[in-house]
Amino acid sequence: MPKNFSALLQASPNLYNLTIYFTTLQLFFDDDSICRLLGQQITHLKIHLHSQNIKLDNFPMARLVSTFSNLKYLCFLNGYYRFGNVESFILSIINRLSEWNSLVSFSISNICLKEETRSKGIQYWVSEHISNNRLFLVDYTDNEFRLWL
């Protein structure tokens, strides 16, 4: 499959929006040529987290950042409601914002933030972790976290 996908990417130079299952994306992470093509073309990325077997503690964030360095929009679509420590996952994205210079928006849907985080206020919670010189807006409604930069 990676070889066919590589040919598809090369034949689609105007492809910039990709919606993909995380397990499929993991397969592509093993192929440097596909990662290079993805990094050159994709600016809008939606990743479906659809399995309870996805361990957020082991999420390949460094590979995601290095592959998709030109992202403008990053969205995680959670298909498995018991997400685990979602705050930690959100912070792992926030801690990498300096590596995504073009990122405009990050979101993750179908999650439930801890009561402690919600009671602090989402804006305040993010401001505790984001670089002081970054302007941002944040929203958490209908179980979706959204951050705009």
Foldseek 3Di string as FASTA:
>chain_A
DLVVVLVVLVVCQQDAADEEEPVVVVVCLVPPSSLQSNQVRHQHYEYEDADPPDDLVPPPVVSVCVSNLAHAEYEYEYNDQPPDQVVVSVLSVQVCVVSNPNHFKYKYANYDHDPVCVVVPVVVSSCVRHDPVDDWDWDADNRMTMIGD
